C-alpha atoms as a PDB file:
ATOM      1  CA  UNK A   1     -38.768  84.774  43.373  1.00  0.00           C
ATOM      2  CA  UNK A   2     -39.256  88.228  41.874  1.00  0.00           C
ATOM      3  CA  UNK A   3     -39.114  90.102  38.559  1.00  0.00           C
ATOM      4  CA  UNK A   4     -37.608  93.461  37.680  1.00  0.00           C
ATOM      5  CA  UNK A   5     -38.000  95.259  34.363  1.00  0.00           C
ATOM      6  CA  UNK A   6     -35.128  97.281  32.941  1.00  0.00           C
ATOM      7  CA  UNK A   7     -35.909  99.982  30.379  1.00  0.00           C
ATOM      8  CA  UNK A   8     -33.121 100.458  27.820  1.00  0.00           C
ATOM      9  CA  UNK A   9     -32.997 103.300  25.291  1.00  0.00           C
ATOM     10  CA  UNK A  10     -32.559 102.455  21.611  1.00  0.00           C
ATOM     11  CA  UNK A  11     -31.878 104.712  18.625  1.00  0.00           C
ATOM     12  CA  UNK A  12     -35.619 104.734  18.167  1.00  0.00           C
ATOM     13  CA  UNK A  13     -37.764 103.978  21.207  1.00  0.00           C
ATOM     14  CA  UNK A  14     -36.941 101.609  24.055  1.00  0.00           C
ATOM     15  CA  UNK A  15     -36.504  97.906  24.842  1.00  0.00           C
ATOM     16  CA  UNK A  16     -37.577  96.124  28.025  1.00  0.00           C
ATOM     17  CA  UNK A  17     -35.558  93.456  29.772  1.00  0.00           C
ATOM     18  CA  UNK A  18     -37.355  91.153  32.198  1.00  0.00           C
ATOM     19  CA  UNK A  19     -35.023  89.810  34.908  1.00  0.00           C
ATOM     20  CA  UNK A  20     -36.128  86.926  37.154  1.00  0.00           C
ATOM     21  CA  UNK A  21     -34.190  86.447  40.402  1.00  0.00           C
ATOM     22  CA  UNK A  22     -34.390  84.249  43.441  1.00  0.00           C
ATOM     23  CA  UNK A  23     -33.005  86.577  46.092  1.00  0.00           C
ATOM     24  CA  UNK A  24     -29.715  87.791  44.601  1.00  0.00           C
ATOM     25  CA  UNK A  25     -29.398  84.782  42.273  1.00  0.00           C
ATOM     26  CA  UNK A  26     -30.155  85.411  38.606  1.00  0.00           C
ATOM     27  CA  UNK A  27     -32.569  82.786  37.282  1.00  0.00           C
ATOM     28  CA  UNK A  28     -33.273  84.040  33.774  1.00  0.00           C
ATOM     29  CA  UNK A  29     -33.657  87.182  31.673  1.00  0.00           C
ATOM     30  CA  UNK A  30     -34.989  88.131  28.274  1.00  0.00           C
ATOM     31  CA  UNK A  31     -35.317  91.356  26.276  1.00  0.00           C
ATOM     32  CA  UNK A  32     -38.436  92.493  24.415  1.00  0.00           C
ATOM     33  CA  UNK A  33     -39.512  95.475  22.337  1.00  0.00           C
ATOM     34  CA  UNK A  34     -42.728  95.914  24.332  1.00  0.00           C
ATOM     35  CA  UNK A  35     -43.051  95.892  28.113  1.00  0.00           C
ATOM     36  CA  UNK A  36     -46.291  93.876  27.912  1.00  0.00           C
ATOM     37  CA  UNK A  37     -44.415  91.079  26.124  1.00  0.00           C
ATOM     38  CA  UNK A  38     -41.731  91.126  28.804  1.00  0.00           C
ATOM     39  CA  UNK A  39     -44.405  90.902  31.527  1.00  0.00           C
ATOM     40  CA  UNK A  40     -46.177  88.031  29.751  1.00  0.00           C
ATOM     41  CA  UNK A  41     -42.927  86.085  29.457  1.00  0.00           C
ATOM     42  CA  UNK A  42     -41.967  86.639  33.100  1.00  0.00           C
ATOM     43  CA  UNK A  43     -45.419  85.790  34.451  1.00  0.00           C
ATOM     44  CA  UNK A  44     -45.577  82.606  32.373  1.00  0.00           C
ATOM     45  CA  UNK A  45     -42.150  81.632  33.661  1.00  0.00           C
ATOM     46  CA  UNK A  46     -43.105  82.184  37.283  1.00  0.00           C
ATOM     47  CA  UNK A  47     -46.194  80.000  36.827  1.00  0.00           C
ATOM     48  CA  UNK A  48     -44.061  77.192  35.351  1.00  0.00           C
ATOM     49  CA  UNK A  49     -42.569  75.688  38.499  1.00  0.00           C
ATOM     50  CA  UNK A  50     -40.989  72.779  36.612  1.00  0.00           C
ATOM     51  CA  UNK A  51     -39.085  75.082  34.291  1.00  0.00           C
ATOM     52  CA  UNK A  52     -38.003  77.265  37.185  1.00  0.00           C
ATOM     53  CA  UNK A  53     -36.588  74.173  38.849  1.00  0.00           C
ATOM     54  CA  UNK A  54     -34.736  73.346  35.633  1.00  0.00           C
ATOM     55  CA  UNK A  55     -33.325  76.869  35.466  1.00  0.00           C
ATOM     56  CA  UNK A  56     -31.805  76.321  38.876  1.00  0.00           C
ATOM     57  CA  UNK A  57     -30.089  73.142  37.723  1.00  0.00           C
ATOM     58  CA  UNK A  58     -26.856  73.755  35.729  1.00  0.00           C
ATOM     59  CA  UNK A  59     -27.252  70.365  34.023  1.00  0.00           C
ATOM     60  CA  UNK A  60     -30.475  71.521  32.393  1.00  0.00           C
ATOM     61  CA  UNK A  61     -28.491  74.043  30.384  1.00  0.00           C
ATOM     62  CA  UNK A  62     -26.956  71.381  28.135  1.00  0.00           C
ATOM     63  CA  UNK A  63     -28.325  71.245  24.608  1.00  0.00           C
ATOM     64  CA  UNK A  64     -30.384  68.495  23.013  1.00  0.00           C
ATOM     65  CA  UNK A  65     -27.568  67.382  20.724  1.00  0.00           C
ATOM     66  CA  UNK A  66     -25.301  66.865  23.752  1.00  0.00           C
ATOM     67  CA  UNK A  67     -28.017  64.832  25.452  1.00  0.00           C
ATOM     68  CA  UNK A  68     -28.619  62.805  22.291  1.00  0.00           C
ATOM     69  CA  UNK A  69     -24.930  61.991  21.982  1.00  0.00           C
ATOM     70  CA  UNK A  70     -24.872  60.667  25.550  1.00  0.00           C
ATOM     71  CA  UNK A  71     -28.089  58.727  24.988  1.00  0.00           C
ATOM     72  CA  UNK A  72     -26.862  56.965  21.838  1.00  0.00           C
ATOM     73  CA  UNK A  73     -23.621  55.939  23.561  1.00  0.00           C
ATOM     74  CA  UNK A  74     -25.536  53.826  26.076  1.00  0.00           C
ATOM     75  CA  UNK A  75     -28.569  52.848  23.960  1.00  0.00           C
ATOM     76  CA  UNK A  76     -28.673  49.125  23.208  1.00  0.00           C
ATOM     77  CA  UNK A  77     -32.110  48.853  21.615  1.00  0.00           C
ATOM     78  CA  UNK A  78     -33.033  46.878  18.498  1.00  0.00           C
ATOM     79  CA  UNK A  79     -35.044  49.496  16.608  1.00  0.00           C
ATOM     80  CA  UNK A  80     -32.815  50.273  13.625  1.00  0.00           C
ATOM     81  CA  UNK A  81     -34.768  53.473  12.954  1.00  0.00           C
ATOM     82  CA  UNK A  82     -34.111  54.970  16.404  1.00  0.00           C
ATOM     83  CA  UNK A  83     -30.801  56.641  15.511  1.00  0.00           C
ATOM     84  CA  UNK A  84     -32.375  58.267  12.476  1.00  0.00           C
ATOM     85  CA  UNK A  85     -35.264  59.625  14.526  1.00  0.00           C
ATOM     86  CA  UNK A  86     -32.908  61.001  17.172  1.00  0.00           C
ATOM     87  CA  UNK A  87     -30.843  62.634  14.431  1.00  0.00           C
ATOM     88  CA  UNK A  88     -33.967  64.238  12.951  1.00  0.00           C
ATOM     89  CA  UNK A  89     -34.755  65.849  16.329  1.00  0.00           C
ATOM     90  CA  UNK A  90     -31.204  67.088  16.818  1.00  0.00           C
ATOM     91  CA  UNK A  91     -31.172  68.508  13.292  1.00  0.00           C
ATOM     92  CA  UNK A  92     -34.192  70.615  14.242  1.00  0.00           C
ATOM     93  CA  UNK A  93     -33.566  71.328  17.936  1.00  0.00           C
ATOM     94  CA  UNK A  94     -29.956  70.338  18.603  1.00  0.00           C
ATOM     95  CA  UNK A  95     -28.921  73.729  19.974  1.00  0.00           C
ATOM     96  CA  UNK A  96     -31.992  74.066  22.206  1.00  0.00           C
ATOM     97  CA  UNK A  97     -31.245  73.819  25.929  1.00  0.00           C
ATOM     98  CA  UNK A  98     -33.093  71.136  27.874  1.00  0.00           C
ATOM     99  CA  UNK A  99     -34.608  73.775  30.136  1.00  0.00           C
ATOM    100  CA  UNK A 100     -36.183  75.363  27.058  1.00  0.00           C
ATOM    101  CA  UNK A 101     -37.755  72.115  25.843  1.00  0.00           C
ATOM    102  CA  UNK A 102     -41.266  72.315  27.225  1.00  0.00           C
ATOM    103  CA  UNK A 103     -44.499  70.440  26.663  1.00  0.00           C
ATOM    104  CA  UNK A 104     -45.653  73.395  24.572  1.00  0.00           C
ATOM    105  CA  UNK A 105     -42.567  73.172  22.337  1.00  0.00           C
ATOM    106  CA  UNK A 106     -42.982  69.430  21.801  1.00  0.00           C
ATOM    107  CA  UNK A 107     -46.693  69.777  21.030  1.00  0.00           C
ATOM    108  CA  UNK A 108     -45.938  72.522  18.504  1.00  0.00           C
ATOM    109  CA  UNK A 109     -43.274  70.374  16.880  1.00  0.00           C
ATOM    110  CA  UNK A 110     -45.612  67.395  16.599  1.00  0.00           C
ATOM    111  CA  UNK A 111     -48.380  69.566  15.164  1.00  0.00           C
ATOM    112  CA  UNK A 112     -46.051  70.855  12.437  1.00  0.00           C
ATOM    113  CA  UNK A 113     -44.517  67.441  11.831  1.00  0.00           C
ATOM    114  CA  UNK A 114     -47.924  65.778  11.466  1.00  0.00           C
ATOM    115  CA  UNK A 115     -48.819  67.734   8.326  1.00  0.00           C
ATOM    116  CA  UNK A 116     -48.845  65.334   5.397  1.00  0.00           C
ATOM    117  CA  UNK A 117     -47.774  62.382   7.556  1.00  0.00           C
ATOM    118  CA  UNK A 118     -49.635  59.389   8.903  1.00  0.00           C
ATOM    119  CA  UNK A 119     -50.567  59.251  12.611  1.00  0.00           C
ATOM    120  CA  UNK A 120     -48.205  56.317  13.181  1.00  0.00           C
ATOM    121  CA  UNK A 121     -45.256  58.333  11.850  1.00  0.00           C
ATOM    122  CA  UNK A 122     -46.070  61.258  14.151  1.00  0.00           C
ATOM    123  CA  UNK A 123     -46.408  58.882  17.099  1.00  0.00           C
ATOM    124  CA  UNK A 124     -42.900  57.548  16.435  1.00  0.00           C
ATOM    125  CA  UNK A 125     -41.557  61.105  16.652  1.00  0.00           C
ATOM    126  CA  UNK A 126     -43.428  61.649  19.920  1.00  0.00           C
ATOM    127  CA  UNK A 127     -41.973  58.409  21.262  1.00  0.00           C
ATOM    128  CA  UNK A 128     -38.486  59.605  20.342  1.00  0.00           C
ATOM    129  CA  UNK A 129     -39.046  62.883  22.202  1.00  0.00           C
ATOM    130  CA  UNK A 130     -40.272  60.890  25.184  1.00  0.00           C
ATOM    131  CA  UNK A 131     -37.322  58.492  25.401  1.00  0.00           C
ATOM    132  CA  UNK A 132     -34.806  61.325  25.101  1.00  0.00           C
ATOM    133  CA  UNK A 133     -36.521  63.413  27.761  1.00  0.00           C
ATOM    134  CA  UNK A 134     -36.908  60.397  30.045  1.00  0.00           C
ATOM    135  CA  UNK A 135     -33.189  59.743  29.652  1.00  0.00           C
ATOM    136  CA  UNK A 136     -32.627  63.361  30.729  1.00  0.00           C
ATOM    137  CA  UNK A 137     -34.798  62.721  33.810  1.00  0.00           C
ATOM    138  CA  UNK A 138     -32.956  59.487  34.629  1.00  0.00           C
ATOM    139  CA  UNK A 139     -29.621  61.283  34.366  1.00  0.00           C
ATOM    140  CA  UNK A 140     -30.984  64.100  36.590  1.00  0.00           C
ATOM    141  CA  UNK A 141     -30.608  66.799  33.956  1.00  0.00           C
ATOM    142  CA  UNK A 142     -34.283  67.742  34.395  1.00  0.00           C
ATOM    143  CA  UNK A 143     -36.900  66.851  36.992  1.00  0.00           C
ATOM    144  CA  UNK A 144     -39.821  65.802  34.785  1.00  0.00           C
ATOM    145  CA  UNK A 145     -40.408  64.515  31.263  1.00  0.00           C
ATOM    146  CA  UNK A 146     -42.141  67.268  29.219  1.00  0.00           C
ATOM    147  CA  UNK A 147     -43.314  64.708  26.648  1.00  0.00           C
ATOM    148  CA  UNK A 148     -45.138  62.655  29.248  1.00  0.00           C
ATOM    149  CA  UNK A 149     -48.887  62.977  29.016  1.00  0.00           C
ATOM    150  CA  UNK A 150     -48.980  64.173  25.412  1.00  0.00           C
ATOM    151  CA  UNK A 151     -51.677  62.106  23.736  1.00  0.00           C
ATOM    152  CA  UNK A 152     -50.751  59.857  20.836  1.00  0.00           C
ATOM    153  CA  UNK A 153     -52.673  60.087  17.599  1.00  0.00           C
ATOM    154  CA  UNK A 154     -55.125  57.294  16.803  1.00  0.00           C
ATOM    155  CA  UNK A 155     -53.525  54.915  14.355  1.00  0.00           C
ATOM    156  CA  UNK A 156     -55.428  53.063  11.697  1.00  0.00           C
ATOM    157  CA  UNK A 157     -53.717  49.704  11.441  1.00  0.00           C
ATOM    158  CA  UNK A 158     -56.455  48.151   9.350  1.00  0.00           C
ATOM    159  CA  UNK A 159     -54.474  48.480   6.100  1.00  0.00           C
ATOM    160  CA  UNK A 160     -53.785  45.021   4.739  1.00  0.00           C
ATOM    161  CA  UNK A 161     -52.298  45.082   1.251  1.00  0.00           C
ATOM    162  CA  UNK A 162     -51.239  41.907  -0.494  1.00  0.00           C
ATOM    163  CA  UNK A 163     -50.408  40.821  -4.028  1.00  0.00           C
ATOM    164  CA  UNK A 164     -52.182  38.715  -6.598  1.00  0.00           C
ATOM    165  CA  UNK A 165     -50.188  36.170  -8.598  1.00  0.00           C
ATOM    166  CA  UNK A 166     -49.563  38.519 -11.525  1.00  0.00           C
ATOM    167  CA  UNK A 167     -48.298  41.283  -9.240  1.00  0.00           C
ATOM    168  CA  UNK A 168     -46.075  38.790  -7.459  1.00  0.00           C
ATOM    169  CA  UNK A 169     -44.556  37.645 -10.761  1.00  0.00           C
ATOM    170  CA  UNK A 170     -44.034  41.242 -11.873  1.00  0.00           C
ATOM    171  CA  UNK A 171     -42.262  42.178  -8.645  1.00  0.00           C
ATOM    172  CA  UNK A 172     -39.896  39.199  -8.768  1.00  0.00           C
ATOM    173  CA  UNK A 173     -39.148  39.891 -12.442  1.00  0.00           C
ATOM    174  CA  UNK A 174     -38.332  43.511 -11.557  1.00  0.00           C
ATOM    175  CA  UNK A 175     -35.963  42.261  -8.848  1.00  0.00           C
ATOM    176  CA  UNK A 176     -34.169  40.166 -11.483  1.00  0.00           C
ATOM    177  CA  UNK A 177     -33.045  43.335 -13.279  1.00  0.00           C
ATOM    178  CA  UNK A 178     -32.216  45.302 -10.105  1.00  0.00           C
ATOM    179  CA  UNK A 179     -28.764  46.841  -9.698  1.00  0.00           C
ATOM    180  CA  UNK A 180     -28.632  45.239  -6.246  1.00  0.00           C
ATOM    181  CA  UNK A 181     -28.182  41.482  -6.705  1.00  0.00           C
ATOM    182  CA  UNK A 182     -29.662  40.655  -3.292  1.00  0.00           C
ATOM    183  CA  UNK A 183     -33.000  42.418  -3.791  1.00  0.00           C
ATOM    184  CA  UNK A 184     -34.722  39.304  -5.142  1.00  0.00           C
ATOM    185  CA  UNK A 185     -33.438  37.269  -2.193  1.00  0.00           C
ATOM    186  CA  UNK A 186     -34.766  39.885   0.252  1.00  0.00           C
ATOM    187  CA  UNK A 187     -38.171  39.963  -1.430  1.00  0.00           C
ATOM    188  CA  UNK A 188     -38.359  36.163  -1.685  1.00  0.00           C
ATOM    189  CA  UNK A 189     -37.577  35.709   2.012  1.00  0.00           C
ATOM    190  CA  UNK A 190     -40.119  38.376   2.953  1.00  0.00           C
ATOM    191  CA  UNK A 191     -42.760  36.639   0.816  1.00  0.00           C
ATOM    192  CA  UNK A 192     -41.965  33.188   2.178  1.00  0.00           C
ATOM    193  CA  UNK A 193     -41.419  33.885   5.866  1.00  0.00           C
ATOM    194  CA  UNK A 194     -43.491  36.982   6.664  1.00  0.00           C
ATOM    195  CA  UNK A 195     -40.494  38.232   8.649  1.00  0.00           C
ATOM    196  CA  UNK A 196     -40.188  41.868   9.644  1.00  0.00           C
ATOM    197  CA  UNK A 197     -37.702  43.997   7.746  1.00  0.00           C
ATOM    198  CA  UNK A 198     -35.560  44.468  10.858  1.00  0.00           C
ATOM    199  CA  UNK A 199     -35.426  40.691  11.326  1.00  0.00           C
ATOM    200  CA  UNK A 200     -34.290  40.148   7.749  1.00  0.00           C
ATOM    201  CA  UNK A 201     -31.703  42.905   7.984  1.00  0.00           C
ATOM    202  CA  UNK A 202     -30.248  41.312  11.127  1.00  0.00           C
ATOM    203  CA  UNK A 203     -30.160  37.836   9.554  1.00  0.00           C
ATOM    204  CA  UNK A 204     -26.679  36.304   9.589  1.00  0.00           C
ATOM    205  CA  UNK A 205     -25.369  33.389   7.559  1.00  0.00           C
ATOM    206  CA  UNK A 206     -23.944  31.673  10.641  1.00  0.00           C
ATOM    207  CA  UNK A 207     -27.452  31.711  12.148  1.00  0.00           C
ATOM    208  CA  UNK A 208     -28.998  29.835   9.219  1.00  0.00           C
ATOM    209  CA  UNK A 209     -29.316  26.038   9.233  1.00  0.00           C
ATOM    210  CA  UNK A 210     -29.883  25.141   5.590  1.00  0.00           C
ATOM    211  CA  UNK A 211     -30.462  21.453   6.374  1.00  0.00           C
ATOM    212  CA  UNK A 212     -33.153  22.167   8.969  1.00  0.00           C
ATOM    213  CA  UNK A 213     -34.392  25.098   6.850  1.00  0.00           C
ATOM    214  CA  UNK A 214     -34.439  27.449   9.836  1.00  0.00           C
ATOM    215  CA  UNK A 215     -32.724  30.577  11.119  1.00  0.00           C
ATOM    216  CA  UNK A 216     -32.373  31.632  14.743  1.00  0.00           C
ATOM    217  CA  UNK A 217     -32.971  35.291  15.545  1.00  0.00           C
ATOM    218  CA  UNK A 218     -31.418  36.216  18.880  1.00  0.00           C
ATOM    219  CA  UNK A 219     -33.570  39.308  19.312  1.00  0.00           C
ATOM    220  CA  UNK A 220     -36.737  40.506  17.620  1.00  0.00           C
ATOM    221  CA  UNK A 221     -39.031  43.542  17.852  1.00  0.00           C
ATOM    222  CA  UNK A 222     -40.826  41.868  20.776  1.00  0.00           C
ATOM    223  CA  UNK A 223     -37.552  41.257  22.590  1.00  0.00           C
ATOM    224  CA  UNK A 224     -37.886  37.496  22.275  1.00  0.00           C
ATOM    225  CA  UNK A 225     -35.625  35.095  20.366  1.00  0.00           C
ATOM    226  CA  UNK A 226     -37.446  33.157  17.665  1.00  0.00           C
ATOM    227  CA  UNK A 227     -36.886  30.779  14.784  1.00  0.00           C
ATOM    228  CA  UNK A 228     -37.691  31.586  11.172  1.00  0.00           C
ATOM    229  CA  UNK A 229     -38.790  28.673   9.031  1.00  0.00           C
ATOM    230  CA  UNK A 230     -37.738  28.657   5.379  1.00  0.00           C
ATOM    231  CA  UNK A 231     -39.998  27.009   2.783  1.00  0.00           C
ATOM    232  CA  UNK A 232     -38.312  25.370  -0.227  1.00  0.00           C
ATOM    233  CA  UNK A 233     -38.388  28.534  -2.444  1.00  0.00           C
ATOM    234  CA  UNK A 234     -36.594  30.478   0.275  1.00  0.00           C
ATOM    235  CA  UNK A 235     -33.886  27.815   0.605  1.00  0.00           C
ATOM    236  CA  UNK A 236     -33.391  27.757  -3.170  1.00  0.00           C
ATOM    237  CA  UNK A 237     -32.928  31.528  -3.181  1.00  0.00           C
ATOM    238  CA  UNK A 238     -30.505  31.394  -0.237  1.00  0.00           C
ATOM    239  CA  UNK A 239     -28.346  28.748  -1.888  1.00  0.00           C
ATOM    240  CA  UNK A 240     -27.650  31.110  -4.798  1.00  0.00           C
ATOM    241  CA  UNK A 241     -25.903  33.563  -2.427  1.00  0.00           C
ATOM    242  CA  UNK A 242     -24.581  31.238   0.264  1.00  0.00           C
ATOM    243  CA  UNK A 243     -21.707  32.479   2.460  1.00  0.00           C
ATOM    244  CA  UNK A 244     -20.005  31.214   5.599  1.00  0.00           C
ATOM    245  CA  UNK A 245     -20.648  34.223   7.811  1.00  0.00           C
ATOM    246  CA  UNK A 246     -21.727  37.835   8.027  1.00  0.00           C
ATOM    247  CA  UNK A 247     -24.975  39.668   7.437  1.00  0.00           C
ATOM    248  CA  UNK A 248     -27.044  38.177   4.646  1.00  0.00           C
ATOM    249  CA  UNK A 249     -28.055  41.668   3.500  1.00  0.00           C
ATOM    250  CA  UNK A 250     -24.978  43.568   4.631  1.00  0.00           C
ATOM    251  CA  UNK A 251     -22.932  46.251   2.957  1.00  0.00           C
ATOM    252  CA  UNK A 252     -19.569  45.480   1.411  1.00  0.00           C
ATOM    253  CA  UNK A 253     -17.900  45.581   4.848  1.00  0.00           C
ATOM    254  CA  UNK A 254     -20.486  43.105   6.153  1.00  0.00           C
ATOM    255  CA  UNK A 255     -20.943  45.079   9.369  1.00  0.00           C
ATOM    256  CA  UNK A 256     -24.068  47.128   8.635  1.00  0.00           C
ATOM    257  CA  UNK A 257     -27.297  46.363   6.726  1.00  0.00           C
ATOM    258  CA  UNK A 258     -27.471  47.528   3.131  1.00  0.00           C
ATOM    259  CA  UNK A 259     -29.529  50.647   2.433  1.00  0.00           C
ATOM    260  CA  UNK A 260     -31.726  49.241  -0.332  1.00  0.00           C
ATOM    261  CA  UNK A 261     -34.564  51.787  -0.499  1.00  0.00           C
ATOM    262  CA  UNK A 262     -33.694  53.200  -3.937  1.00  0.00           C
ATOM    263  CA  UNK A 263     -33.452  49.669  -5.384  1.00  0.00           C
ATOM    264  CA  UNK A 264     -36.831  48.759  -3.889  1.00  0.00           C
ATOM    265  CA  UNK A 265     -38.476  51.884  -5.272  1.00  0.00           C
ATOM    266  CA  UNK A 266     -36.964  51.227  -8.692  1.00  0.00           C
ATOM    267  CA  UNK A 267     -38.334  47.662  -8.662  1.00  0.00           C
ATOM    268  CA  UNK A 268     -41.814  48.896  -7.735  1.00  0.00           C
ATOM    269  CA  UNK A 269     -41.720  51.280 -10.680  1.00  0.00           C
ATOM    270  CA  UNK A 270     -40.655  48.530 -13.090  1.00  0.00           C
ATOM    271  CA  UNK A 271     -43.345  46.180 -11.702  1.00  0.00           C
ATOM    272  CA  UNK A 272     -46.015  48.876 -11.924  1.00  0.00           C
ATOM    273  CA  UNK A 273     -46.875  48.631  -8.221  1.00  0.00           C
ATOM    274  CA  UNK A 274     -48.106  51.712  -6.376  1.00  0.00           C
ATOM    275  CA  UNK A 275     -48.580  52.347  -2.642  1.00  0.00           C
ATOM    276  CA  UNK A 276     -46.818  49.104  -1.752  1.00  0.00           C
ATOM    277  CA  UNK A 277     -44.314  48.791   1.091  1.00  0.00           C
ATOM    278  CA  UNK A 278     -41.838  46.009   1.748  1.00  0.00           C
ATOM    279  CA  UNK A 279     -43.679  45.496   5.054  1.00  0.00           C
ATOM    280  CA  UNK A 280     -46.765  44.614   2.996  1.00  0.00           C
ATOM    281  CA  UNK A 281     -44.998  41.387   2.000  1.00  0.00           C
ATOM    282  CA  UNK A 282     -45.494  40.353   5.640  1.00  0.00           C
ATOM    283  CA  UNK A 283     -49.249  40.799   5.137  1.00  0.00           C
ATOM    284  CA  UNK A 284     -48.953  38.995   1.828  1.00  0.00           C
ATOM    285  CA  UNK A 285     -47.363  35.963   3.497  1.00  0.00           C
ATOM    286  CA  UNK A 286     -50.090  35.909   6.156  1.00  0.00           C
ATOM    287  CA  UNK A 287     -52.865  36.116   3.560  1.00  0.00           C
ATOM    288  CA  UNK A 288     -51.391  33.264   1.524  1.00  0.00           C
ATOM    289  CA  UNK A 289     -51.087  31.045   4.600  1.00  0.00           C
ATOM    290  CA  UNK A 290     -54.656  31.763   5.699  1.00  0.00           C
ATOM    291  CA  UNK A 291     -56.095  31.292   2.213  1.00  0.00           C
ATOM    292  CA  UNK A 292     -54.342  27.921   2.128  1.00  0.00           C
ATOM    293  CA  UNK A 293     -56.289  26.906   5.234  1.00  0.00           C
ATOM    294  CA  UNK A 294     -53.623  27.450   7.910  1.00  0.00           C
ATOM    295  CA  UNK A 295     -55.236  28.332  11.268  1.00  0.00           C
ATOM    296  CA  UNK A 296     -54.725  31.749  12.860  1.00  0.00           C
ATOM    297  CA  UNK A 297     -52.670  30.391  15.767  1.00  0.00           C
ATOM    298  CA  UNK A 298     -50.109  28.808  13.437  1.00  0.00           C
ATOM    299  CA  UNK A 299     -49.992  31.927  11.280  1.00  0.00           C
ATOM    300  CA  UNK A 300     -49.254  33.957  14.410  1.00  0.00           C
ATOM    301  CA  UNK A 301     -46.429  31.586  15.328  1.00  0.00           C
ATOM    302  CA  UNK A 302     -44.902  31.870  11.858  1.00  0.00           C
ATOM    303  CA  UNK A 303     -45.097  35.662  11.909  1.00  0.00           C
ATOM    304  CA  UNK A 304     -43.731  35.899  15.449  1.00  0.00           C
ATOM    305  CA  UNK A 305     -46.755  37.552  17.018  1.00  0.00           C
ATOM    306  CA  UNK A 306     -46.660  37.690  20.798  1.00  0.00           C
ATOM    307  CA  UNK A 307     -50.427  37.974  21.162  1.00  0.00           C
ATOM    308  CA  UNK A 308     -53.373  36.555  19.257  1.00  0.00           C
ATOM    309  CA  UNK A 309     -54.727  40.093  18.947  1.00  0.00           C
ATOM    310  CA  UNK A 310     -52.004  40.888  16.409  1.00  0.00           C
ATOM    311  CA  UNK A 311     -53.038  37.955  14.238  1.00  0.00           C
ATOM    312  CA  UNK A 312     -56.735  38.715  14.635  1.00  0.00           C
ATOM    313  CA  UNK A 313     -56.492  41.455  11.998  1.00  0.00           C
ATOM    314  CA  UNK A 314     -56.378  38.639   9.419  1.00  0.00           C
ATOM    315  CA  UNK A 315     -59.487  36.957  10.818  1.00  0.00           C
ATOM    316  CA  UNK A 316     -61.681  38.206   7.966  1.00  0.00           C
ATOM    317  CA  UNK A 317     -59.434  36.352   5.504  1.00  0.00           C
ATOM    318  CA  UNK A 318     -59.835  33.208   7.581  1.00  0.00           C
ATOM    319  CA  UNK A 319     -63.623  33.594   7.442  1.00  0.00           C
ATOM    320  CA  UNK A 320     -63.530  33.872   3.664  1.00  0.00           C
ATOM    321  CA  UNK A 321     -61.459  30.702   3.454  1.00  0.00           C
ATOM    322  CA  UNK A 322     -63.891  28.867   5.721  1.00  0.00           C
ATOM    323  CA  UNK A 323     -66.853  30.145   3.730  1.00  0.00           C
ATOM    324  CA  UNK A 324     -65.306  29.002   0.469  1.00  0.00           C
ATOM    325  CA  UNK A 325     -64.586  25.550   1.931  1.00  0.00           C
ATOM    326  CA  UNK A 326     -68.090  25.278   3.380  1.00  0.00           C
ATOM    327  CA  UNK A 327     -69.665  26.425   0.102  1.00  0.00           C
ATOM    328  CA  UNK A 328     -67.744  23.872  -1.939  1.00  0.00           C
ATOM    329  CA  UNK A 329     -68.461  21.035   0.471  1.00  0.00           C
ATOM    330  CA  UNK A 330     -72.161  21.734   0.984  1.00  0.00           C
ATOM    331  CA  UNK A 331     -72.854  22.283  -2.698  1.00  0.00           C
ATOM    332  CA  UNK A 332     -71.444  18.787  -3.300  1.00  0.00           C
ATOM    333  CA  UNK A 333     -73.422  17.317  -0.387  1.00  0.00           C
ATOM    334  CA  UNK A 334     -76.732  18.800  -1.445  1.00  0.00           C
ATOM    335  CA  UNK A 335     -75.931  18.062  -5.080  1.00  0.00           C
ATOM    336  CA  UNK A 336     -75.809  14.364  -4.288  1.00  0.00           C
ATOM    337  CA  UNK A 337     -79.301  14.550  -2.855  1.00  0.00           C
ATOM    338  CA  UNK A 338     -80.908  15.762  -6.078  1.00  0.00           C
END
């Protein structure tokens, strides 16, 4: 592997072209205004054995948007946000060749992307980079995954936001005047079941047993089938919109989930709620169950947690409930002894 530098005259001054060859085979070339920049580029390239290997592989010359198209054709995952994240990367880097996607490029992208965003959001982008690049490795377009080894940002998952009774009333009242007639049903089911948004969006009428007050979910975020249980308020809300089949929260064609974000944001504004996500209704359901005295194990089963660690984040609410019960009981006990 060797480098030659070609000096080319311009109208004013010169340009320098660095040419990297393996014997007589051209590996790569690039033109610079200054010779020192050409030398820096060539020397960096020669030190990067992985990229040199990619340069020798014709498959590595395909662009990211071509790779993404192939990936989405075979992807069978359940994360409804995956396609959007892949699209965001192709919007920014679609015309970039795989051989030019390096660890340095991905790190720079994540650094820029992280500005003004939460660590969890940045980590999802990193994960998307990783799955695409791993797909490229599996398909033998490149030898190694350039996203592998990039550290994830520390996420703070301690945020637990839930509603008081007045806020709950205000939100449901705002849903009553929503342009989307199913918003109140969505919010009611989220409040009553603690189901994830993706689970509710995949809910189908033919999977609901109104007599048993249950719904079977074939696949969930954890990859396991599970059964949602519907309390009486949820059943009452479902009966108002009952159908024989199709997605409960589908578009007019019934094939894809409804995009409800603008209706949700409008309802929050009417209700006067700030910094509240639909996912927070999952926390709200958990807090109500725990404050009613339901044990953490049962709460975890209702929410569909795979591990007790996921439910443990609500442990402090359980302690408060136990303290309140102990206070009430012991005050009465010691009161009788006076």
